[in-house]
Amino acid sequence: MINKIAKPTQSDIQTIMSWFSNEEQVRQWGGPTIRYPYTLESLCEDIKLETLASYCLFSPTQQPLAFGQYYLRLGKCHLGRLVVNPSCRGGGIVSELIDHLCHIGAAELDADEYSLFVFQNNEPAIKAYQRNGFSLQDYPANIPMENCWYMTKKN
């Protein structure tokens, strides 16, 4: 059975909301501009669901496995707000999500490099990104969040 990537519905966003149990987890995922506690409406606004390319990776039974976004940043396809369903972590889902987002984003944005931000204390994510070809790089300006690293990879 094959997982598929598609735009999330509001019901999918509600499922994703259940993956977080506290404000720290929400901020680690969504960044400092996410209002907390949140509602479905405030979260959709804060993550710019309607204006940023947003995708869910779905199981063959249509269960959301992961979520991520991309946009053009410094000429690169920048991945953001990557999250995997807690019950699926450690099984390679993040690699599948990254592959899909990079493929779709590169074509849409005409980019052959990728970037992302990751909090320095998020060791599982850093290792996952490194396994997917990302490496730490200097950011050409101030990073918009504290304790954050910039990672890039070439196509």
N, C-alpha and C. Protein backbone atom coordinates (compact mmCIF):
# COMPACT_ATOMS: atom_id res chain seq x y z
N MET A 1 0.84 -1.18 0.00
CA MET A 1 0.00 0.00 0.00
C MET A 1 0.88 1.24 0.00
N ILE A 2 0.43 2.26 -0.70
CA ILE A 2 1.24 3.45 -0.89
C ILE A 2 0.58 4.64 -0.21
N ASN A 3 1.40 5.41 0.51
CA ASN A 3 0.93 6.66 1.10
C ASN A 3 0.81 7.70 -0.01
N LYS A 4 -0.07 8.67 0.19
CA LYS A 4 -0.22 9.73 -0.82
C LYS A 4 -0.13 11.10 -0.17
N ILE A 5 0.24 12.07 -0.98
CA ILE A 5 0.35 13.45 -0.50
C ILE A 5 -0.80 14.25 -1.10
N ALA A 6 -1.42 15.10 -0.29
CA ALA A 6 -2.54 15.92 -0.75
C ALA A 6 -2.71 17.11 0.18
N LYS A 7 -3.49 18.07 -0.28
CA LYS A 7 -3.81 19.23 0.54
C LYS A 7 -4.64 18.78 1.74
N PRO A 8 -4.39 19.34 2.91
CA PRO A 8 -5.17 18.95 4.09
C PRO A 8 -6.53 19.66 4.13
N THR A 9 -7.48 18.99 4.72
CA THR A 9 -8.78 19.60 4.99
C THR A 9 -8.76 20.16 6.41
N GLN A 10 -9.80 20.89 6.78
CA GLN A 10 -9.87 21.38 8.16
C GLN A 10 -9.95 20.22 9.14
N SER A 11 -10.59 19.14 8.76
CA SER A 11 -10.64 17.96 9.61
C SER A 11 -9.24 17.39 9.83
N ASP A 12 -8.41 17.41 8.79
CA ASP A 12 -7.02 16.94 8.93
C ASP A 12 -6.24 17.85 9.88
N ILE A 13 -6.48 19.16 9.79
CA ILE A 13 -5.81 20.11 10.68
C ILE A 13 -6.23 19.85 12.13
N GLN A 14 -7.50 19.53 12.35
CA GLN A 14 -7.94 19.19 13.70
C GLN A 14 -7.20 17.95 14.21
N THR A 15 -6.99 16.97 13.35
CA THR A 15 -6.22 15.79 13.74
C THR A 15 -4.79 16.19 14.11
N ILE A 16 -4.19 17.03 13.30
CA ILE A 16 -2.82 17.49 13.57
C ILE A 16 -2.75 18.24 14.89
N MET A 17 -3.77 19.02 15.20
CA MET A 17 -3.81 19.74 16.48
C MET A 17 -3.70 18.76 17.65
N SER A 18 -4.25 17.57 17.50
CA SER A 18 -4.21 16.58 18.58
C SER A 18 -2.82 15.99 18.79
N TRP A 19 -1.91 16.23 17.88
CA TRP A 19 -0.54 15.70 18.00
C TRP A 19 0.30 16.50 18.99
N PHE A 20 -0.21 17.64 19.44
CA PHE A 20 0.53 18.50 20.37
C PHE A 20 -0.19 18.54 21.71
N SER A 21 0.58 18.42 22.78
CA SER A 21 -0.06 18.40 24.10
C SER A 21 0.25 19.63 24.94
N ASN A 22 1.12 20.51 24.45
CA ASN A 22 1.42 21.71 25.24
C ASN A 22 1.96 22.82 24.33
N GLU A 23 2.09 24.00 24.91
CA GLU A 23 2.53 25.17 24.16
C GLU A 23 3.95 25.00 23.61
N GLU A 24 4.83 24.39 24.38
CA GLU A 24 6.22 24.21 23.93
C GLU A 24 6.28 23.38 22.65
N GLN A 25 5.49 22.32 22.60
CA GLN A 25 5.46 21.48 21.40
C GLN A 25 4.93 22.27 20.20
N VAL A 26 3.91 23.06 20.43
CA VAL A 26 3.33 23.85 19.35
C VAL A 26 4.35 24.86 18.83
N ARG A 27 5.05 25.53 19.73
CA ARG A 27 6.04 26.54 19.32
C ARG A 27 7.22 25.88 18.60
N GLN A 28 7.64 24.70 19.08
CA GLN A 28 8.75 23.99 18.43
C GLN A 28 8.37 23.67 16.99
N TRP A 29 7.12 23.32 16.76
CA TRP A 29 6.67 22.98 15.43
C TRP A 29 6.36 24.21 14.60
N GLY A 30 5.54 25.09 15.14
CA GLY A 30 4.98 26.16 14.34
C GLY A 30 5.67 27.49 14.42
N GLY A 31 6.57 27.65 15.39
CA GLY A 31 7.26 28.91 15.54
C GLY A 31 6.58 29.85 16.52
N PRO A 32 7.20 30.99 16.74
CA PRO A 32 6.76 31.91 17.80
C PRO A 32 5.48 32.68 17.49
N THR A 33 5.00 32.63 16.26
CA THR A 33 3.82 33.42 15.92
C THR A 33 2.51 32.64 16.09
N ILE A 34 2.60 31.40 16.49
CA ILE A 34 1.39 30.60 16.69
C ILE A 34 0.75 30.99 18.02
N ARG A 35 -0.50 31.38 17.96
CA ARG A 35 -1.22 31.70 19.20
C ARG A 35 -1.54 30.42 19.95
N TYR A 36 -1.41 30.47 21.25
CA TYR A 36 -1.71 29.30 22.08
C TYR A 36 -2.34 29.76 23.38
N PRO A 37 -3.39 29.16 23.85
CA PRO A 37 -4.06 28.03 23.21
C PRO A 37 -4.68 28.47 21.89
N TYR A 38 -4.86 27.50 21.00
CA TYR A 38 -5.36 27.83 19.69
C TYR A 38 -6.71 27.18 19.42
N THR A 39 -7.37 27.73 18.42
CA THR A 39 -8.59 27.14 17.88
C THR A 39 -8.25 26.70 16.46
N LEU A 40 -9.12 25.97 15.86
CA LEU A 40 -8.91 25.57 14.46
C LEU A 40 -8.74 26.82 13.60
N GLU A 41 -9.59 27.79 13.81
CA GLU A 41 -9.53 29.02 13.02
C GLU A 41 -8.22 29.78 13.23
N SER A 42 -7.80 29.95 14.49
CA SER A 42 -6.57 30.70 14.74
C SER A 42 -5.35 29.96 14.21
N LEU A 43 -5.34 28.65 14.34
CA LEU A 43 -4.20 27.88 13.84
C LEU A 43 -4.12 27.97 12.32
N CYS A 44 -5.24 27.81 11.64
CA CYS A 44 -5.23 27.92 10.18
C CYS A 44 -4.73 29.29 9.74
N GLU A 45 -5.12 30.33 10.44
CA GLU A 45 -4.62 31.68 10.14
C GLU A 45 -3.13 31.78 10.40
N ASP A 46 -2.69 31.31 11.57
CA ASP A 46 -1.30 31.47 11.98
C ASP A 46 -0.32 30.69 11.12
N ILE A 47 -0.73 29.54 10.62
CA ILE A 47 0.18 28.77 9.75
C ILE A 47 -0.01 29.14 8.28
N LYS A 48 -0.89 30.10 8.03
CA LYS A 48 -1.14 30.59 6.68
C LYS A 48 -1.55 29.45 5.74
N LEU A 49 -2.47 28.65 6.24
CA LEU A 49 -2.90 27.46 5.51
C LEU A 49 -3.39 27.78 4.10
N GLU A 50 -4.06 28.91 3.95
CA GLU A 50 -4.62 29.25 2.64
C GLU A 50 -3.62 29.91 1.70
N THR A 51 -2.48 30.40 2.22
CA THR A 51 -1.54 31.10 1.35
C THR A 51 -0.22 30.38 1.15
N LEU A 52 0.16 29.48 2.04
CA LEU A 52 1.38 28.70 1.86
C LEU A 52 1.03 27.31 1.32
N ALA A 53 1.90 26.76 0.49
CA ALA A 53 1.70 25.41 -0.01
C ALA A 53 1.76 24.46 1.19
N SER A 54 0.65 23.81 1.48
CA SER A 54 0.52 22.96 2.67
C SER A 54 0.05 21.58 2.24
N TYR A 55 0.71 20.56 2.79
CA TYR A 55 0.40 19.19 2.39
C TYR A 55 0.40 18.25 3.58
N CYS A 56 -0.44 17.24 3.47
CA CYS A 56 -0.43 16.12 4.42
C CYS A 56 0.00 14.87 3.66
N LEU A 57 0.72 14.03 4.34
CA LEU A 57 1.00 12.69 3.85
C LEU A 57 -0.04 11.79 4.50
N PHE A 58 -0.78 11.06 3.67
CA PHE A 58 -1.87 10.22 4.15
C PHE A 58 -1.56 8.74 3.98
N SER A 59 -2.03 7.96 4.93
CA SER A 59 -1.95 6.51 4.81
C SER A 59 -2.95 6.05 3.75
N PRO A 60 -2.85 4.80 3.32
CA PRO A 60 -3.85 4.29 2.36
C PRO A 60 -5.28 4.35 2.89
N THR A 61 -5.45 4.43 4.22
CA THR A 61 -6.79 4.55 4.81
C THR A 61 -7.16 6.01 5.09
N GLN A 62 -6.41 6.95 4.49
CA GLN A 62 -6.68 8.38 4.59
C GLN A 62 -6.41 8.98 5.96
N GLN A 63 -5.58 8.34 6.77
CA GLN A 63 -5.20 8.90 8.06
C GLN A 63 -4.01 9.83 7.86
N PRO A 64 -4.04 11.05 8.41
CA PRO A 64 -2.87 11.93 8.30
C PRO A 64 -1.67 11.34 9.03
N LEU A 65 -0.58 11.20 8.30
CA LEU A 65 0.67 10.68 8.87
C LEU A 65 1.66 11.80 9.17
N ALA A 66 1.60 12.87 8.39
CA ALA A 66 2.57 13.96 8.53
C ALA A 66 2.02 15.20 7.82
N PHE A 67 2.62 16.34 8.15
CA PHE A 67 2.21 17.62 7.58
C PHE A 67 3.47 18.44 7.33
N GLY A 68 3.43 19.25 6.28
CA GLY A 68 4.53 20.18 6.01
C GLY A 68 4.11 21.24 5.01
N GLN A 69 4.92 22.30 4.96
CA GLN A 69 4.68 23.41 4.06
C GLN A 69 5.98 23.75 3.34
N TYR A 70 5.87 24.51 2.26
CA TYR A 70 7.05 25.05 1.60
C TYR A 70 6.73 26.40 0.98
N TYR A 71 7.80 27.17 0.77
CA TYR A 71 7.70 28.46 0.11
C TYR A 71 9.09 28.86 -0.34
N LEU A 72 9.19 29.86 -1.16
CA LEU A 72 10.47 30.33 -1.67
C LEU A 72 11.12 31.25 -0.64
N ARG A 73 12.35 30.92 -0.25
CA ARG A 73 13.10 31.74 0.71
C ARG A 73 14.55 31.75 0.24
N LEU A 74 15.06 32.92 -0.06
CA LEU A 74 16.44 33.10 -0.52
C LEU A 74 16.75 32.22 -1.73
N GLY A 75 15.78 32.09 -2.63
CA GLY A 75 15.97 31.32 -3.85
C GLY A 75 15.90 29.81 -3.67
N LYS A 76 15.58 29.36 -2.47
CA LYS A 76 15.49 27.93 -2.18
C LYS A 76 14.05 27.55 -1.85
N CYS A 77 13.72 26.30 -2.08
CA CYS A 77 12.45 25.75 -1.63
C CYS A 77 12.60 25.50 -0.14
N HIS A 78 11.98 26.36 0.65
CA HIS A 78 12.13 26.30 2.10
C HIS A 78 11.00 25.48 2.71
N LEU A 79 11.37 24.44 3.45
CA LEU A 79 10.38 23.58 4.11
C LEU A 79 10.09 24.12 5.49
N GLY A 80 8.85 24.04 5.89
CA GLY A 80 8.48 24.55 7.20
C GLY A 80 7.37 23.74 7.83
N ARG A 81 7.31 23.85 9.13
CA ARG A 81 6.25 23.22 9.93
C ARG A 81 6.09 21.73 9.62
N LEU A 82 7.22 21.05 9.56
CA LEU A 82 7.21 19.61 9.34
C LEU A 82 6.86 18.92 10.64
N VAL A 83 5.91 18.00 10.59
CA VAL A 83 5.54 17.24 11.78
C VAL A 83 5.03 15.87 11.34
N VAL A 84 5.37 14.86 12.14
CA VAL A 84 4.92 13.49 11.91
C VAL A 84 4.02 13.10 13.07
N ASN A 85 2.95 12.40 12.75
CA ASN A 85 2.06 11.85 13.77
C ASN A 85 2.90 11.13 14.82
N PRO A 86 2.73 11.46 16.11
CA PRO A 86 3.57 10.85 17.15
C PRO A 86 3.56 9.31 17.12
N SER A 87 2.47 8.71 16.70
CA SER A 87 2.41 7.25 16.66
C SER A 87 3.19 6.66 15.49
N CYS A 88 3.67 7.51 14.58
CA CYS A 88 4.39 7.04 13.40
C CYS A 88 5.87 7.45 13.40
N ARG A 89 6.31 8.13 14.42
CA ARG A 89 7.69 8.63 14.43
C ARG A 89 8.69 7.48 14.50
N GLY A 90 9.82 7.70 13.84
CA GLY A 90 10.87 6.70 13.82
C GLY A 90 10.72 5.66 12.73
N GLY A 91 9.70 5.81 11.89
CA GLY A 91 9.46 4.83 10.85
C GLY A 91 9.76 5.30 9.43
N GLY A 92 10.44 6.43 9.29
CA GLY A 92 10.80 6.92 7.96
C GLY A 92 9.76 7.80 7.29
N ILE A 93 8.69 8.11 8.00
CA ILE A 93 7.63 8.95 7.41
C ILE A 93 8.17 10.33 7.06
N VAL A 94 9.04 10.88 7.91
CA VAL A 94 9.56 12.23 7.63
C VAL A 94 10.34 12.24 6.32
N SER A 95 11.05 11.17 6.02
CA SER A 95 11.80 11.11 4.75
C SER A 95 10.84 11.12 3.56
N GLU A 96 9.76 10.39 3.69
CA GLU A 96 8.76 10.35 2.62
C GLU A 96 8.13 11.74 2.45
N LEU A 97 7.81 12.39 3.56
CA LEU A 97 7.24 13.74 3.50
C LEU A 97 8.21 14.71 2.83
N ILE A 98 9.45 14.70 3.27
CA ILE A 98 10.47 15.60 2.70
C ILE A 98 10.63 15.35 1.21
N ASP A 99 10.69 14.09 0.81
CA ASP A 99 10.84 13.78 -0.62
C ASP A 99 9.70 14.37 -1.43
N HIS A 100 8.47 14.17 -0.96
CA HIS A 100 7.31 14.71 -1.67
C HIS A 100 7.35 16.23 -1.73
N LEU A 101 7.60 16.89 -0.58
CA LEU A 101 7.60 18.35 -0.55
C LEU A 101 8.70 18.92 -1.44
N CYS A 102 9.87 18.31 -1.41
CA CYS A 102 10.98 18.79 -2.25
C CYS A 102 10.64 18.63 -3.73
N HIS A 103 10.07 17.50 -4.09
CA HIS A 103 9.72 17.24 -5.49
C HIS A 103 8.67 18.25 -5.98
N ILE A 104 7.60 18.41 -5.23
CA ILE A 104 6.53 19.33 -5.63
C ILE A 104 7.03 20.77 -5.59
N GLY A 105 7.71 21.13 -4.49
CA GLY A 105 8.18 22.50 -4.33
C GLY A 105 9.21 22.91 -5.37
N ALA A 106 10.14 22.02 -5.69
CA ALA A 106 11.17 22.35 -6.68
C ALA A 106 10.53 22.64 -8.03
N ALA A 107 9.55 21.85 -8.41
CA ALA A 107 8.88 22.06 -9.69
C ALA A 107 8.07 23.36 -9.68
N GLU A 108 7.34 23.60 -8.62
CA GLU A 108 6.49 24.79 -8.56
C GLU A 108 7.31 26.07 -8.45
N LEU A 109 8.38 26.02 -7.67
CA LEU A 109 9.17 27.22 -7.39
C LEU A 109 10.38 27.38 -8.29
N ASP A 110 10.64 26.39 -9.14
CA ASP A 110 11.82 26.38 -10.01
C ASP A 110 13.09 26.55 -9.18
N ALA A 111 13.21 25.71 -8.16
CA ALA A 111 14.36 25.77 -7.25
C ALA A 111 15.08 24.42 -7.28
N ASP A 112 16.40 24.46 -7.15
CA ASP A 112 17.14 23.20 -7.10
C ASP A 112 17.91 23.05 -5.78
N GLU A 113 17.57 23.90 -4.82
CA GLU A 113 18.11 23.77 -3.48
C GLU A 113 16.96 23.88 -2.49
N TYR A 114 17.19 23.32 -1.31
CA TYR A 114 16.17 23.27 -0.27
C TYR A 114 16.75 23.80 1.03
N SER A 115 15.88 24.33 1.87
CA SER A 115 16.34 24.82 3.17
C SER A 115 15.25 24.60 4.20
N LEU A 116 15.64 24.72 5.46
CA LEU A 116 14.71 24.64 6.57
C LEU A 116 15.38 25.19 7.82
N PHE A 117 14.58 25.53 8.80
CA PHE A 117 15.06 25.90 10.12
C PHE A 117 14.74 24.77 11.07
N VAL A 118 15.60 24.58 12.07
CA VAL A 118 15.35 23.57 13.09
C VAL A 118 15.89 24.10 14.42
N PHE A 119 15.13 23.88 15.47
CA PHE A 119 15.60 24.29 16.79
C PHE A 119 16.77 23.41 17.21
N GLN A 120 17.77 24.03 17.82
CA GLN A 120 18.99 23.34 18.19
C GLN A 120 18.77 22.18 19.15
N ASN A 121 17.71 22.23 19.94
CA ASN A 121 17.46 21.16 20.90
C ASN A 121 16.61 20.03 20.33
N ASN A 122 16.24 20.11 19.07
CA ASN A 122 15.40 19.09 18.45
C ASN A 122 16.28 18.04 17.75
N GLU A 123 16.99 17.27 18.56
CA GLU A 123 17.95 16.30 18.03
C GLU A 123 17.34 15.27 17.08
N PRO A 124 16.16 14.72 17.38
CA PRO A 124 15.60 13.75 16.42
C PRO A 124 15.38 14.37 15.04
N ALA A 125 14.90 15.62 15.00
CA ALA A 125 14.67 16.27 13.71
C ALA A 125 15.99 16.55 13.00
N ILE A 126 16.98 17.03 13.73
CA ILE A 126 18.29 17.32 13.12
C ILE A 126 18.85 16.06 12.48
N LYS A 127 18.80 14.95 13.20
CA LYS A 127 19.31 13.68 12.66
C LYS A 127 18.52 13.25 11.43
N ALA A 128 17.20 13.40 11.49
CA ALA A 128 16.37 13.03 10.34
C ALA A 128 16.71 13.89 9.13
N TYR A 129 16.90 15.18 9.33
CA TYR A 129 17.22 16.06 8.21
C TYR A 129 18.60 15.73 7.64
N GLN A 130 19.55 15.43 8.51
CA GLN A 130 20.88 15.04 8.04
C GLN A 130 20.81 13.75 7.22
N ARG A 131 20.00 12.79 7.68
CA ARG A 131 19.82 11.54 6.91
C ARG A 131 19.22 11.82 5.54
N ASN A 132 18.49 12.91 5.42
CA ASN A 132 17.87 13.29 4.15
C ASN A 132 18.71 14.27 3.34
N GLY A 133 19.98 14.42 3.69
CA GLY A 133 20.90 15.21 2.90
C GLY A 133 21.06 16.66 3.28
N PHE A 134 20.40 17.10 4.33
CA PHE A 134 20.53 18.49 4.78
C PHE A 134 21.78 18.63 5.65
N SER A 135 22.43 19.78 5.55
CA SER A 135 23.58 20.07 6.41
C SER A 135 23.47 21.49 6.94
N LEU A 136 24.10 21.71 8.08
CA LEU A 136 24.08 23.03 8.71
C LEU A 136 24.82 24.03 7.84
N GLN A 137 24.25 25.22 7.73
CA GLN A 137 24.84 26.31 6.95
C GLN A 137 24.69 27.61 7.73
N ASP A 138 25.52 28.57 7.40
CA ASP A 138 25.35 29.91 7.95
C ASP A 138 24.18 30.56 7.24
N TYR A 139 23.35 31.24 8.02
CA TYR A 139 22.23 31.97 7.44
C TYR A 139 22.73 33.38 7.12
N PRO A 140 22.38 33.92 5.96
CA PRO A 140 22.95 35.22 5.55
C PRO A 140 22.42 36.43 6.31
N ALA A 141 21.55 36.24 7.27
CA ALA A 141 21.00 37.34 8.06
C ALA A 141 20.73 36.80 9.46
N ASN A 142 20.07 37.59 10.28
CA ASN A 142 19.67 37.07 11.58
C ASN A 142 18.55 36.06 11.39
N ILE A 143 18.69 34.90 12.02
CA ILE A 143 17.63 33.90 11.95
C ILE A 143 16.44 34.46 12.74
N PRO A 144 15.24 34.34 12.20
CA PRO A 144 14.09 34.96 12.82
C PRO A 144 13.65 34.34 14.15
N MET A 145 14.31 33.28 14.59
CA MET A 145 13.96 32.64 15.86
C MET A 145 15.25 32.35 16.63
N GLU A 146 15.16 32.42 17.95
CA GLU A 146 16.33 32.12 18.78
C GLU A 146 16.57 30.62 18.83
N ASN A 147 17.84 30.25 19.09
CA ASN A 147 18.24 28.84 19.25
C ASN A 147 17.84 27.99 18.06
N CYS A 148 18.01 28.55 16.89
CA CYS A 148 17.59 27.89 15.67
C CYS A 148 18.77 27.76 14.71
N TRP A 149 18.81 26.67 13.98
CA TRP A 149 19.83 26.45 12.95
C TRP A 149 19.18 26.46 11.59
N TYR A 150 20.01 26.74 10.59
CA TYR A 150 19.60 26.77 9.19
C TYR A 150 20.27 25.59 8.50
N MET A 151 19.50 24.81 7.78
CA MET A 151 20.04 23.65 7.08
C MET A 151 19.63 23.73 5.61
N THR A 152 20.52 23.27 4.74
CA THR A 152 20.21 23.28 3.31
C THR A 152 20.65 21.97 2.67
N LYS A 153 20.13 21.72 1.48
CA LYS A 153 20.60 20.61 0.65
C LYS A 153 20.38 20.98 -0.80
N LYS A 154 21.21 20.40 -1.66
CA LYS A 154 21.08 20.62 -3.11
C LYS A 154 20.33 19.45 -3.71
N ASN A 155 19.69 19.72 -4.83
CA ASN A 155 18.92 18.68 -5.53
C ASN A 155 19.85 17.62 -6.08
